């Protein structure tokens, strides 16, 4: 599956869950709770197979983090090789992606906006420009804007519109200097997942 560029409101209605975290989608679900399409209400009453449930949970994660099938499989394979619970490892790897961390720090309003910032070369990690959204961060990595007025203006505007209360404990941001630090990977209890990761593990383990 290529990266989705269509109407996100339809995706939210399909899952019946605000997977993107944007308040406007809560309003959409309140007004139009049925699935999209002429027969959305009827489809919602159909019984879902075990495979269908597993596929749905995988799609939730893919749409939430904005990654393709190949990238998702690579992430799962890496999680499988690590010690510990595979589902937990998978979520931690997804949360440790550069685009997600930029979003979590408030340096971008959404994950898709964070990917755009990174793709356009506005982001540096440890004072080196990184243009790969899937770049995995490690303990105490610094995230900062490129040394240009445009990059710094983008960071400043996004920070002004963000809130400290929304920031997880595993990142820190110096608003004055527009820099962030990835303190450590999150632990499972710090991740509010939109999906049942165990069903995803079952899907890929077949």
N, C-alpha and C. Protein backbone atom coordinates (compact mmCIF):
# COMPACT_ATOMS: atom_id res chain seq x y z
N UNK A 1 0.83 -1.19 0.00
CA UNK A 1 0.00 0.00 0.00
C UNK A 1 0.87 1.24 0.00
N UNK A 2 0.65 2.16 -0.95
CA UNK A 2 1.39 3.41 -0.97
C UNK A 2 0.85 4.31 0.13
N UNK A 3 1.59 5.38 0.43
CA UNK A 3 1.16 6.27 1.50
C UNK A 3 -0.17 6.91 1.13
N UNK A 4 -1.08 6.93 2.08
CA UNK A 4 -2.43 7.44 1.83
C UNK A 4 -2.42 8.95 1.75
N UNK A 5 -3.04 9.50 0.69
CA UNK A 5 -3.10 10.95 0.51
C UNK A 5 -4.53 11.43 0.33
N UNK A 6 -5.50 10.56 0.60
CA UNK A 6 -6.90 10.92 0.43
C UNK A 6 -7.48 11.58 1.67
N UNK A 7 -8.82 11.51 1.74
CA UNK A 7 -9.53 12.14 2.85
C UNK A 7 -9.36 11.34 4.14
N UNK A 8 -8.70 11.93 5.12
CA UNK A 8 -8.45 11.23 6.37
C UNK A 8 -9.74 11.04 7.17
N UNK A 9 -10.71 11.91 6.93
CA UNK A 9 -11.99 11.77 7.62
C UNK A 9 -12.65 10.44 7.33
N UNK A 10 -12.51 9.96 6.10
CA UNK A 10 -13.09 8.67 5.73
C UNK A 10 -12.38 7.52 6.45
N UNK A 11 -11.07 7.65 6.61
CA UNK A 11 -10.32 6.62 7.32
C UNK A 11 -10.74 6.56 8.78
N UNK A 12 -10.90 7.72 9.39
CA UNK A 12 -11.34 7.79 10.78
C UNK A 12 -12.72 7.16 10.93
N UNK A 13 -13.62 7.45 10.00
CA UNK A 13 -14.97 6.88 10.06
C UNK A 13 -14.95 5.38 9.81
N UNK A 14 -14.04 4.93 8.95
CA UNK A 14 -13.95 3.48 8.68
C UNK A 14 -13.61 2.71 9.95
N UNK A 15 -12.67 3.25 10.73
CA UNK A 15 -12.26 2.57 11.95
C UNK A 15 -13.13 2.94 13.16
N UNK A 16 -13.89 4.03 13.02
CA UNK A 16 -14.68 4.48 14.16
C UNK A 16 -13.81 4.97 15.30
N UNK A 17 -12.61 5.47 14.95
CA UNK A 17 -11.63 5.86 15.95
C UNK A 17 -10.76 6.98 15.40
N UNK A 18 -10.50 7.99 16.22
CA UNK A 18 -9.65 9.10 15.79
C UNK A 18 -8.19 8.69 15.89
N UNK A 19 -7.71 7.99 14.87
CA UNK A 19 -6.35 7.46 14.90
C UNK A 19 -5.30 8.56 14.73
N UNK A 20 -5.69 9.73 14.23
CA UNK A 20 -4.72 10.80 13.99
C UNK A 20 -4.58 11.75 15.17
N UNK A 21 -5.52 11.71 16.11
CA UNK A 21 -5.43 12.55 17.29
C UNK A 21 -5.84 13.99 17.08
N UNK A 22 -6.26 14.36 15.88
CA UNK A 22 -6.68 15.72 15.60
C UNK A 22 -8.11 15.93 16.09
N UNK A 23 -8.36 16.96 16.90
CA UNK A 23 -9.71 17.18 17.45
C UNK A 23 -10.81 17.29 16.40
N UNK A 24 -10.47 17.75 15.19
CA UNK A 24 -11.51 17.91 14.17
C UNK A 24 -12.12 16.57 13.77
N UNK A 25 -11.34 15.48 13.92
CA UNK A 25 -11.88 14.17 13.58
C UNK A 25 -12.83 13.66 14.65
N UNK A 26 -12.68 14.13 15.89
CA UNK A 26 -13.67 13.82 16.92
C UNK A 26 -15.02 14.41 16.55
N UNK A 27 -14.99 15.62 15.99
CA UNK A 27 -16.24 16.25 15.57
C UNK A 27 -16.87 15.51 14.40
N UNK A 28 -16.02 15.02 13.49
CA UNK A 28 -16.54 14.26 12.35
C UNK A 28 -17.21 12.98 12.83
N UNK A 29 -16.57 12.28 13.76
CA UNK A 29 -17.15 11.04 14.29
C UNK A 29 -18.45 11.32 15.04
N UNK A 30 -18.52 12.47 15.69
CA UNK A 30 -19.74 12.81 16.40
C UNK A 30 -20.91 13.06 15.46
N UNK A 31 -20.62 13.66 14.32
CA UNK A 31 -21.68 13.99 13.36
C UNK A 31 -21.99 12.81 12.43
N UNK A 32 -20.96 12.03 12.08
CA UNK A 32 -21.15 10.94 11.11
C UNK A 32 -20.47 9.68 11.64
N UNK A 33 -21.09 9.00 12.59
CA UNK A 33 -20.46 7.84 13.22
C UNK A 33 -20.41 6.58 12.34
N UNK A 34 -21.27 6.52 11.30
CA UNK A 34 -21.27 5.34 10.43
C UNK A 34 -20.04 5.31 9.53
N UNK A 35 -19.75 4.14 9.01
CA UNK A 35 -18.64 4.01 8.07
C UNK A 35 -18.97 4.75 6.78
N UNK A 36 -17.96 5.19 6.02
CA UNK A 36 -18.23 5.92 4.78
C UNK A 36 -18.88 5.03 3.73
N UNK A 37 -19.58 5.65 2.80
CA UNK A 37 -20.24 4.89 1.74
C UNK A 37 -21.74 4.81 1.96
N UNK A 38 -22.48 4.48 0.90
CA UNK A 38 -23.94 4.44 0.96
C UNK A 38 -24.45 3.39 1.93
N UNK A 39 -23.68 2.34 2.15
CA UNK A 39 -24.12 1.24 3.00
C UNK A 39 -23.28 1.14 4.28
N UNK A 40 -22.74 2.26 4.71
CA UNK A 40 -21.87 2.26 5.88
C UNK A 40 -22.52 1.69 7.12
N UNK A 41 -23.79 2.03 7.34
CA UNK A 41 -24.48 1.53 8.52
C UNK A 41 -24.65 0.03 8.49
N UNK A 42 -24.93 -0.52 7.31
CA UNK A 42 -25.12 -1.97 7.18
C UNK A 42 -23.80 -2.71 7.37
N UNK A 43 -22.73 -2.14 6.79
CA UNK A 43 -21.43 -2.79 6.90
C UNK A 43 -20.98 -2.90 8.35
N UNK A 44 -21.37 -1.92 9.16
CA UNK A 44 -20.90 -1.91 10.54
C UNK A 44 -21.48 -3.06 11.36
N UNK A 45 -22.56 -3.69 10.85
CA UNK A 45 -23.18 -4.78 11.59
C UNK A 45 -22.67 -6.15 11.16
N UNK A 46 -21.81 -6.18 10.17
CA UNK A 46 -21.27 -7.46 9.71
C UNK A 46 -20.27 -8.01 10.72
N UNK A 47 -20.28 -9.34 10.85
CA UNK A 47 -19.31 -9.98 11.73
C UNK A 47 -17.96 -10.05 11.03
N UNK A 48 -16.92 -9.66 11.73
CA UNK A 48 -15.57 -9.64 11.16
C UNK A 48 -14.84 -10.93 11.52
N UNK A 49 -14.17 -11.53 10.55
CA UNK A 49 -13.40 -12.75 10.79
C UNK A 49 -12.16 -12.42 11.60
N UNK A 50 -11.50 -13.47 12.11
CA UNK A 50 -10.25 -13.28 12.85
C UNK A 50 -9.22 -12.57 11.99
N UNK A 51 -9.12 -13.02 10.72
CA UNK A 51 -8.16 -12.39 9.80
C UNK A 51 -8.53 -10.93 9.57
N UNK A 52 -9.83 -10.65 9.41
CA UNK A 52 -10.27 -9.28 9.20
C UNK A 52 -9.94 -8.38 10.37
N UNK A 53 -10.09 -8.91 11.59
CA UNK A 53 -9.77 -8.14 12.79
C UNK A 53 -8.27 -7.86 12.86
N UNK A 54 -7.46 -8.86 12.52
CA UNK A 54 -6.01 -8.67 12.54
C UNK A 54 -5.58 -7.65 11.49
N UNK A 55 -6.17 -7.74 10.30
CA UNK A 55 -5.84 -6.81 9.23
C UNK A 55 -6.24 -5.39 9.60
N UNK A 56 -7.38 -5.24 10.23
CA UNK A 56 -7.84 -3.92 10.65
C UNK A 56 -6.86 -3.27 11.63
N UNK A 57 -6.37 -4.05 12.59
CA UNK A 57 -5.43 -3.50 13.57
C UNK A 57 -4.12 -3.09 12.90
N UNK A 58 -3.69 -3.88 11.91
CA UNK A 58 -2.47 -3.51 11.20
C UNK A 58 -2.68 -2.20 10.42
N UNK A 59 -3.83 -2.09 9.77
CA UNK A 59 -4.11 -0.88 8.98
C UNK A 59 -4.18 0.35 9.87
N UNK A 60 -4.70 0.20 11.07
CA UNK A 60 -4.74 1.33 12.00
C UNK A 60 -3.34 1.87 12.24
N UNK A 61 -2.40 0.98 12.51
CA UNK A 61 -1.03 1.42 12.77
C UNK A 61 -0.39 2.02 11.53
N UNK A 62 -0.64 1.42 10.37
CA UNK A 62 -0.04 1.92 9.14
C UNK A 62 -0.53 3.32 8.82
N UNK A 63 -1.83 3.54 8.96
CA UNK A 63 -2.37 4.87 8.69
C UNK A 63 -1.93 5.88 9.74
N UNK A 64 -1.89 5.46 11.00
CA UNK A 64 -1.49 6.37 12.07
C UNK A 64 -0.08 6.89 11.87
N UNK A 65 0.85 5.98 11.58
CA UNK A 65 2.26 6.38 11.44
C UNK A 65 2.63 6.71 10.00
N UNK A 66 1.69 6.53 9.06
CA UNK A 66 1.92 6.92 7.68
C UNK A 66 3.02 6.15 6.99
N UNK A 67 3.04 4.83 7.16
CA UNK A 67 4.10 4.03 6.55
C UNK A 67 3.54 3.01 5.58
N UNK A 68 4.37 2.60 4.65
CA UNK A 68 3.97 1.64 3.63
C UNK A 68 4.10 0.22 4.16
N UNK A 69 3.54 -0.72 3.41
CA UNK A 69 3.55 -2.13 3.82
C UNK A 69 4.99 -2.64 3.97
N UNK A 70 5.83 -2.30 3.01
CA UNK A 70 7.22 -2.79 3.08
C UNK A 70 7.93 -2.26 4.32
N UNK A 71 7.73 -0.97 4.61
CA UNK A 71 8.34 -0.38 5.81
C UNK A 71 7.80 -1.06 7.08
N UNK A 72 6.51 -1.36 7.06
CA UNK A 72 5.91 -1.99 8.23
C UNK A 72 6.49 -3.37 8.45
N UNK A 73 6.67 -4.13 7.38
CA UNK A 73 7.23 -5.47 7.50
C UNK A 73 8.67 -5.42 8.01
N UNK A 74 9.43 -4.44 7.55
CA UNK A 74 10.80 -4.28 8.02
C UNK A 74 10.82 -3.97 9.52
N UNK A 75 9.89 -3.10 9.94
CA UNK A 75 9.80 -2.76 11.37
C UNK A 75 9.42 -3.98 12.19
N UNK A 76 8.46 -4.76 11.69
CA UNK A 76 8.05 -5.96 12.43
C UNK A 76 9.21 -6.96 12.52
N UNK A 77 9.92 -7.15 11.41
CA UNK A 77 11.04 -8.09 11.41
C UNK A 77 12.11 -7.66 12.41
N UNK A 78 12.35 -6.37 12.50
CA UNK A 78 13.34 -5.87 13.46
C UNK A 78 12.86 -6.10 14.89
N UNK A 79 11.55 -5.85 15.12
CA UNK A 79 10.98 -6.07 16.46
C UNK A 79 11.06 -7.54 16.86
N UNK A 80 10.88 -8.41 15.87
CA UNK A 80 10.91 -9.85 16.13
C UNK A 80 12.30 -10.31 16.56
N UNK A 81 13.33 -9.66 16.03
CA UNK A 81 14.71 -10.05 16.35
C UNK A 81 15.15 -9.54 17.72
N UNK A 82 14.48 -8.53 18.23
CA UNK A 82 14.87 -7.96 19.51
C UNK A 82 14.36 -8.81 20.67
N UNK A 83 15.01 -8.66 21.81
CA UNK A 83 14.56 -9.35 23.01
C UNK A 83 13.29 -8.70 23.53
N UNK A 84 12.47 -9.47 24.22
CA UNK A 84 11.25 -8.92 24.79
C UNK A 84 10.02 -9.28 23.99
N UNK A 85 8.94 -8.57 24.24
CA UNK A 85 7.66 -8.84 23.59
C UNK A 85 7.63 -8.16 22.23
N UNK A 86 7.37 -8.92 21.19
CA UNK A 86 7.45 -8.40 19.82
C UNK A 86 6.51 -7.22 19.60
N UNK A 87 5.28 -7.31 20.08
CA UNK A 87 4.33 -6.23 19.89
C UNK A 87 4.80 -4.94 20.55
N UNK A 88 5.34 -5.06 21.76
CA UNK A 88 5.87 -3.88 22.45
C UNK A 88 7.04 -3.29 21.68
N UNK A 89 7.94 -4.17 21.23
CA UNK A 89 9.11 -3.71 20.46
C UNK A 89 8.68 -2.96 19.21
N UNK A 90 7.66 -3.47 18.54
CA UNK A 90 7.18 -2.85 17.30
C UNK A 90 6.67 -1.43 17.56
N UNK A 91 5.88 -1.26 18.60
CA UNK A 91 5.35 0.07 18.92
C UNK A 91 6.48 1.03 19.31
N UNK A 92 7.44 0.54 20.07
CA UNK A 92 8.57 1.38 20.48
C UNK A 92 9.38 1.84 19.26
N UNK A 93 9.59 0.94 18.31
CA UNK A 93 10.31 1.31 17.08
C UNK A 93 9.52 2.35 16.29
N UNK A 94 8.22 2.19 16.21
CA UNK A 94 7.39 3.17 15.49
C UNK A 94 7.44 4.53 16.16
N UNK A 95 7.41 4.54 17.49
CA UNK A 95 7.44 5.81 18.23
C UNK A 95 8.82 6.46 18.16
N UNK A 96 9.87 5.68 17.90
CA UNK A 96 11.24 6.20 17.86
C UNK A 96 11.65 6.70 16.49
N UNK A 97 10.75 6.62 15.52
CA UNK A 97 11.03 7.17 14.19
C UNK A 97 11.18 8.69 14.29
N UNK A 98 12.04 9.25 13.46
CA UNK A 98 12.29 10.69 13.51
C UNK A 98 11.01 11.49 13.25
N UNK A 99 10.21 11.08 12.25
CA UNK A 99 9.01 11.85 11.96
C UNK A 99 8.04 11.85 13.14
N UNK A 100 7.91 10.72 13.81
CA UNK A 100 7.02 10.67 14.97
C UNK A 100 7.57 11.51 16.12
N UNK A 101 8.88 11.48 16.34
CA UNK A 101 9.48 12.24 17.44
C UNK A 101 9.34 13.74 17.19
N UNK A 102 9.56 14.17 15.96
CA UNK A 102 9.37 15.59 15.62
C UNK A 102 7.93 16.00 15.92
N UNK A 103 6.98 15.14 15.60
CA UNK A 103 5.57 15.40 15.90
C UNK A 103 5.33 15.43 17.41
N UNK A 104 5.86 14.45 18.13
CA UNK A 104 5.67 14.39 19.58
C UNK A 104 6.28 15.59 20.29
N UNK A 105 7.36 16.14 19.74
CA UNK A 105 7.99 17.30 20.35
C UNK A 105 7.23 18.59 20.11
N UNK A 106 6.25 18.54 19.22
CA UNK A 106 5.53 19.76 18.88
C UNK A 106 6.23 20.59 17.82
N UNK A 107 7.25 20.02 17.18
CA UNK A 107 7.97 20.73 16.13
C UNK A 107 7.22 20.68 14.80
N UNK A 108 6.16 19.88 14.74
CA UNK A 108 5.27 19.79 13.59
C UNK A 108 3.87 19.47 14.11
N UNK A 109 2.82 19.99 13.48
CA UNK A 109 1.46 19.78 13.99
C UNK A 109 0.92 18.37 13.78
N UNK A 110 1.43 17.66 12.79
CA UNK A 110 0.98 16.30 12.49
C UNK A 110 2.19 15.47 12.05
N UNK A 111 2.01 14.16 11.98
CA UNK A 111 3.10 13.30 11.51
C UNK A 111 3.38 13.55 10.03
N UNK A 112 2.35 13.80 9.25
CA UNK A 112 2.57 14.06 7.82
C UNK A 112 3.33 15.37 7.63
N UNK A 113 3.02 16.37 8.46
CA UNK A 113 3.77 17.63 8.39
C UNK A 113 5.22 17.41 8.81
N UNK A 114 5.44 16.55 9.80
CA UNK A 114 6.80 16.22 10.24
C UNK A 114 7.57 15.55 9.11
N UNK A 115 6.93 14.62 8.40
CA UNK A 115 7.60 13.96 7.27
C UNK A 115 7.99 14.97 6.20
N UNK A 116 7.12 15.93 5.97
CA UNK A 116 7.41 16.95 4.96
C UNK A 116 8.60 17.80 5.38
N UNK A 117 8.64 18.20 6.66
CA UNK A 117 9.78 18.96 7.16
C UNK A 117 11.09 18.21 6.95
N UNK A 118 11.05 16.91 7.26
CA UNK A 118 12.26 16.09 7.16
C UNK A 118 12.64 15.88 5.70
N UNK A 119 11.68 15.56 4.87
CA UNK A 119 11.95 15.33 3.44
C UNK A 119 12.54 16.56 2.77
N UNK A 120 12.13 17.75 3.23
CA UNK A 120 12.62 18.99 2.63
C UNK A 120 13.91 19.49 3.26
N UNK A 121 14.47 18.68 4.16
CA UNK A 121 15.78 18.99 4.70
C UNK A 121 15.81 20.05 5.79
N UNK A 122 14.69 20.25 6.49
CA UNK A 122 14.64 21.27 7.54
C UNK A 122 15.12 20.78 8.90
N UNK A 123 15.37 19.46 9.04
CA UNK A 123 15.64 18.88 10.36
C UNK A 123 17.06 18.33 10.43
N UNK A 124 17.70 18.58 11.58
CA UNK A 124 19.02 18.02 11.85
C UNK A 124 18.96 17.13 13.09
N UNK A 125 19.76 16.07 13.07
CA UNK A 125 19.92 15.19 14.23
C UNK A 125 21.38 15.22 14.62
N UNK A 126 21.64 15.64 15.85
CA UNK A 126 23.03 15.79 16.32
C UNK A 126 23.83 16.67 15.37
N UNK A 127 23.18 17.77 14.92
CA UNK A 127 23.78 18.79 14.06
C UNK A 127 24.13 18.29 12.66
N UNK A 128 23.54 17.16 12.26
CA UNK A 128 23.71 16.67 10.89
C UNK A 128 22.34 16.54 10.26
N UNK A 129 22.19 17.08 9.06
CA UNK A 129 20.89 17.06 8.40
C UNK A 129 20.48 15.63 8.07
N UNK A 130 19.24 15.31 8.39
CA UNK A 130 18.68 13.99 8.11
C UNK A 130 17.38 14.19 7.33
N UNK A 131 17.26 13.58 6.17
CA UNK A 131 16.04 13.73 5.37
C UNK A 131 15.31 12.39 5.20
N UNK A 132 15.47 11.50 6.16
CA UNK A 132 14.83 10.19 6.13
C UNK A 132 13.84 10.12 7.29
N UNK A 133 12.53 10.18 7.02
CA UNK A 133 11.54 10.18 8.11
C UNK A 133 11.60 8.96 9.01
N UNK A 134 12.02 7.81 8.47
CA UNK A 134 12.06 6.58 9.26
C UNK A 134 13.33 6.43 10.09
N UNK A 135 14.20 7.43 10.06
CA UNK A 135 15.46 7.39 10.82
C UNK A 135 15.15 7.09 12.28
N UNK A 136 15.85 6.09 12.84
CA UNK A 136 15.62 5.69 14.22
C UNK A 136 16.51 6.48 15.18
N UNK A 137 15.89 7.12 16.16
CA UNK A 137 16.62 7.90 17.14
C UNK A 137 17.07 7.02 18.31
N UNK A 138 18.14 7.46 18.97
CA UNK A 138 18.69 6.74 20.11
C UNK A 138 18.83 7.69 21.30
N UNK A 139 19.18 7.14 22.44
CA UNK A 139 19.25 7.92 23.67
C UNK A 139 20.04 9.22 23.48
N UNK A 140 19.41 10.32 23.92
CA UNK A 140 20.04 11.65 23.97
C UNK A 140 20.37 12.25 22.61
N UNK A 141 19.72 11.76 21.56
CA UNK A 141 19.88 12.40 20.25
C UNK A 141 19.22 13.77 20.26
N UNK A 142 19.92 14.76 19.68
CA UNK A 142 19.39 16.12 19.58
C UNK A 142 18.68 16.32 18.24
N UNK A 143 17.56 17.03 18.28
CA UNK A 143 16.80 17.36 17.07
C UNK A 143 16.69 18.88 16.99
N UNK A 144 17.10 19.46 15.86
CA UNK A 144 17.12 20.91 15.72
C UNK A 144 16.81 21.30 14.28
N UNK A 145 16.48 22.58 14.04
CA UNK A 145 16.23 23.02 12.67
C UNK A 145 17.52 23.25 11.90
N UNK A 146 17.43 23.17 10.61
CA UNK A 146 18.57 23.52 9.76
C UNK A 146 18.92 25.00 9.99
N UNK A 147 20.18 25.33 9.77
CA UNK A 147 20.63 26.71 9.99
C UNK A 147 20.16 27.63 8.87
N UNK A 148 18.87 27.83 8.81
CA UNK A 148 18.31 28.76 7.84
C UNK A 148 17.13 29.47 8.49
N UNK A 149 16.87 30.68 8.04
CA UNK A 149 15.78 31.46 8.62
C UNK A 149 14.44 30.77 8.41
N UNK A 150 14.25 30.15 7.25
CA UNK A 150 12.98 29.49 6.96
C UNK A 150 12.74 28.30 7.89
N UNK A 151 13.77 27.48 8.07
CA UNK A 151 13.64 26.30 8.93
C UNK A 151 13.34 26.71 10.37
N UNK A 152 14.05 27.71 10.85
CA UNK A 152 13.85 28.17 12.23
C UNK A 152 12.47 28.80 12.40
N UNK A 153 11.99 29.49 11.36
CA UNK A 153 10.65 30.10 11.43
C UNK A 153 9.58 29.02 11.49
N UNK A 154 9.76 27.94 10.74
CA UNK A 154 8.80 26.84 10.76
C UNK A 154 8.75 26.19 12.14
N UNK A 155 9.91 25.94 12.72
CA UNK A 155 9.98 25.34 14.05
C UNK A 155 9.33 26.26 15.09
N UNK A 156 9.65 27.55 15.01
CA UNK A 156 9.12 28.49 15.99
C UNK A 156 7.59 28.58 15.91
N UNK A 157 7.06 28.63 14.70
CA UNK A 157 5.61 28.72 14.52
C UNK A 157 4.92 27.48 15.07
N UNK A 158 5.49 26.32 14.79
CA UNK A 158 4.88 25.07 15.26
C UNK A 158 4.94 24.95 16.78
N UNK A 159 6.06 25.38 17.36
CA UNK A 159 6.18 25.33 18.82
C UNK A 159 5.20 26.28 19.50
N UNK A 160 4.99 27.43 18.91
CA UNK A 160 4.05 28.39 19.48
C UNK A 160 2.63 27.85 19.51
N UNK A 161 2.32 26.97 18.55
CA UNK A 161 0.98 26.40 18.46
C UNK A 161 0.83 25.08 19.22
N UNK A 162 1.92 24.61 19.82
CA UNK A 162 1.88 23.35 20.56
C UNK A 162 1.79 23.60 22.05
N UNK A 163 1.59 22.54 22.81
CA UNK A 163 1.44 22.66 24.26
C UNK A 163 2.41 21.73 24.97
N UNK A 164 3.02 22.22 26.04
CA UNK A 164 3.93 21.39 26.84
C UNK A 164 3.21 20.20 27.45
N UNK A 165 1.92 20.39 27.76
CA UNK A 165 1.16 19.32 28.40
C UNK A 165 0.96 18.11 27.53
N UNK A 166 1.11 18.26 26.21
CA UNK A 166 0.90 17.15 25.28
C UNK A 166 2.18 16.37 25.03
N UNK A 167 3.29 16.81 25.62
CA UNK A 167 4.58 16.20 25.31
C UNK A 167 4.87 15.01 26.22
N UNK A 168 5.27 13.87 25.64
CA UNK A 168 5.59 12.70 26.47
C UNK A 168 6.87 12.90 27.27
N UNK A 169 7.04 12.07 28.30
CA UNK A 169 8.17 12.24 29.21
C UNK A 169 9.49 11.80 28.61
N UNK A 170 9.46 11.06 27.52
CA UNK A 170 10.71 10.55 26.95
C UNK A 170 11.35 11.51 25.93
N UNK A 171 10.77 12.70 25.79
CA UNK A 171 11.40 13.74 24.97
C UNK A 171 11.43 15.03 25.78
N UNK A 172 12.33 15.94 25.41
CA UNK A 172 12.41 17.24 26.05
C UNK A 172 12.63 18.29 24.96
N UNK A 173 12.10 19.49 25.19
CA UNK A 173 12.21 20.55 24.19
C UNK A 173 12.66 21.84 24.85
N UNK A 174 13.65 22.46 24.25
CA UNK A 174 14.10 23.79 24.65
C UNK A 174 13.44 24.78 23.69
N UNK A 175 12.34 25.38 24.14
CA UNK A 175 11.56 26.25 23.25
C UNK A 175 12.34 27.51 22.86
N UNK A 176 13.13 28.01 23.75
CA UNK A 176 13.88 29.23 23.46
C UNK A 176 14.84 29.03 22.31
N UNK A 177 15.52 27.88 22.30
CA UNK A 177 16.50 27.61 21.24
C UNK A 177 15.95 26.68 20.16
N UNK A 178 14.68 26.33 20.27
CA UNK A 178 13.98 25.50 19.27
C UNK A 178 14.72 24.18 19.01
N UNK A 179 15.10 23.53 20.10
CA UNK A 179 15.80 22.25 19.99
C UNK A 179 15.08 21.22 20.84
N UNK A 180 15.13 19.99 20.39
CA UNK A 180 14.53 18.92 21.16
C UNK A 180 15.54 17.83 21.43
N UNK A 181 15.28 17.03 22.46
CA UNK A 181 16.17 15.91 22.78
C UNK A 181 15.33 14.65 22.96
N UNK A 182 15.73 13.60 22.28
CA UNK A 182 15.11 12.29 22.44
C UNK A 182 15.82 11.63 23.62
N UNK A 183 15.22 11.70 24.79
CA UNK A 183 15.89 11.25 26.01
C UNK A 183 16.13 9.74 26.01
N UNK A 184 15.12 9.00 25.55
CA UNK A 184 15.20 7.54 25.55
C UNK A 184 13.99 7.00 24.79
N UNK A 185 14.04 5.73 24.36
CA UNK A 185 12.84 5.14 23.77
C UNK A 185 11.75 5.02 24.82
N UNK A 186 10.50 5.15 24.44
CA UNK A 186 9.42 5.00 25.42
C UNK A 186 9.27 3.55 25.85
N UNK A 187 8.64 3.35 26.99
CA UNK A 187 8.26 1.99 27.39
C UNK A 187 6.81 1.79 27.00
N UNK A 188 6.38 0.54 26.99
CA UNK A 188 5.05 0.24 26.46
C UNK A 188 3.94 0.99 27.18
N UNK A 189 4.04 1.13 28.50
CA UNK A 189 2.98 1.79 29.25
C UNK A 189 2.88 3.28 28.94
N UNK A 190 3.90 3.85 28.27
CA UNK A 190 3.87 5.27 27.91
C UNK A 190 3.30 5.50 26.52
N UNK A 191 2.96 4.42 25.82
CA UNK A 191 2.45 4.53 24.46
C UNK A 191 0.95 4.26 24.45
N UNK A 192 0.19 5.23 24.00
CA UNK A 192 -1.24 5.05 23.86
C UNK A 192 -1.52 4.59 22.44
N UNK A 193 -1.55 3.28 22.26
CA UNK A 193 -1.69 2.72 20.93
C UNK A 193 -3.15 2.76 20.47
N UNK A 194 -3.33 3.01 19.18
CA UNK A 194 -4.68 3.03 18.60
C UNK A 194 -5.11 1.63 18.20
N UNK A 195 -4.22 0.66 18.31
CA UNK A 195 -4.49 -0.69 17.82
C UNK A 195 -4.06 -1.74 18.83
N UNK A 196 -4.59 -2.94 18.64
CA UNK A 196 -4.17 -4.10 19.43
C UNK A 196 -2.97 -4.73 18.74
N UNK A 197 -1.79 -4.42 19.23
CA UNK A 197 -0.57 -4.86 18.54
C UNK A 197 -0.41 -6.38 18.54
N UNK A 198 -1.02 -7.07 19.51
CA UNK A 198 -0.92 -8.52 19.55
C UNK A 198 -1.58 -9.16 18.34
N UNK A 199 -2.68 -8.55 17.87
CA UNK A 199 -3.35 -9.07 16.67
C UNK A 199 -2.47 -8.87 15.44
N UNK A 200 -1.70 -7.80 15.42
CA UNK A 200 -0.77 -7.56 14.32
C UNK A 200 0.33 -8.62 14.32
N UNK A 201 0.83 -8.93 15.50
CA UNK A 201 1.86 -9.97 15.63
C UNK A 201 1.30 -11.31 15.14
N UNK A 202 0.08 -11.62 15.50
CA UNK A 202 -0.55 -12.87 15.06
C UNK A 202 -0.68 -12.91 13.54
N UNK A 203 -1.02 -11.75 12.95
CA UNK A 203 -1.17 -11.68 11.49
C UNK A 203 0.13 -12.00 10.78
N UNK A 204 1.23 -11.40 11.24
CA UNK A 204 2.52 -11.59 10.57
C UNK A 204 3.19 -12.89 10.96
N UNK A 205 2.68 -13.55 11.98
CA UNK A 205 3.29 -14.80 12.43
C UNK A 205 2.71 -16.02 11.74
N UNK A 206 1.75 -15.83 10.87
CA UNK A 206 1.12 -16.97 10.19
C UNK A 206 2.05 -17.58 9.17
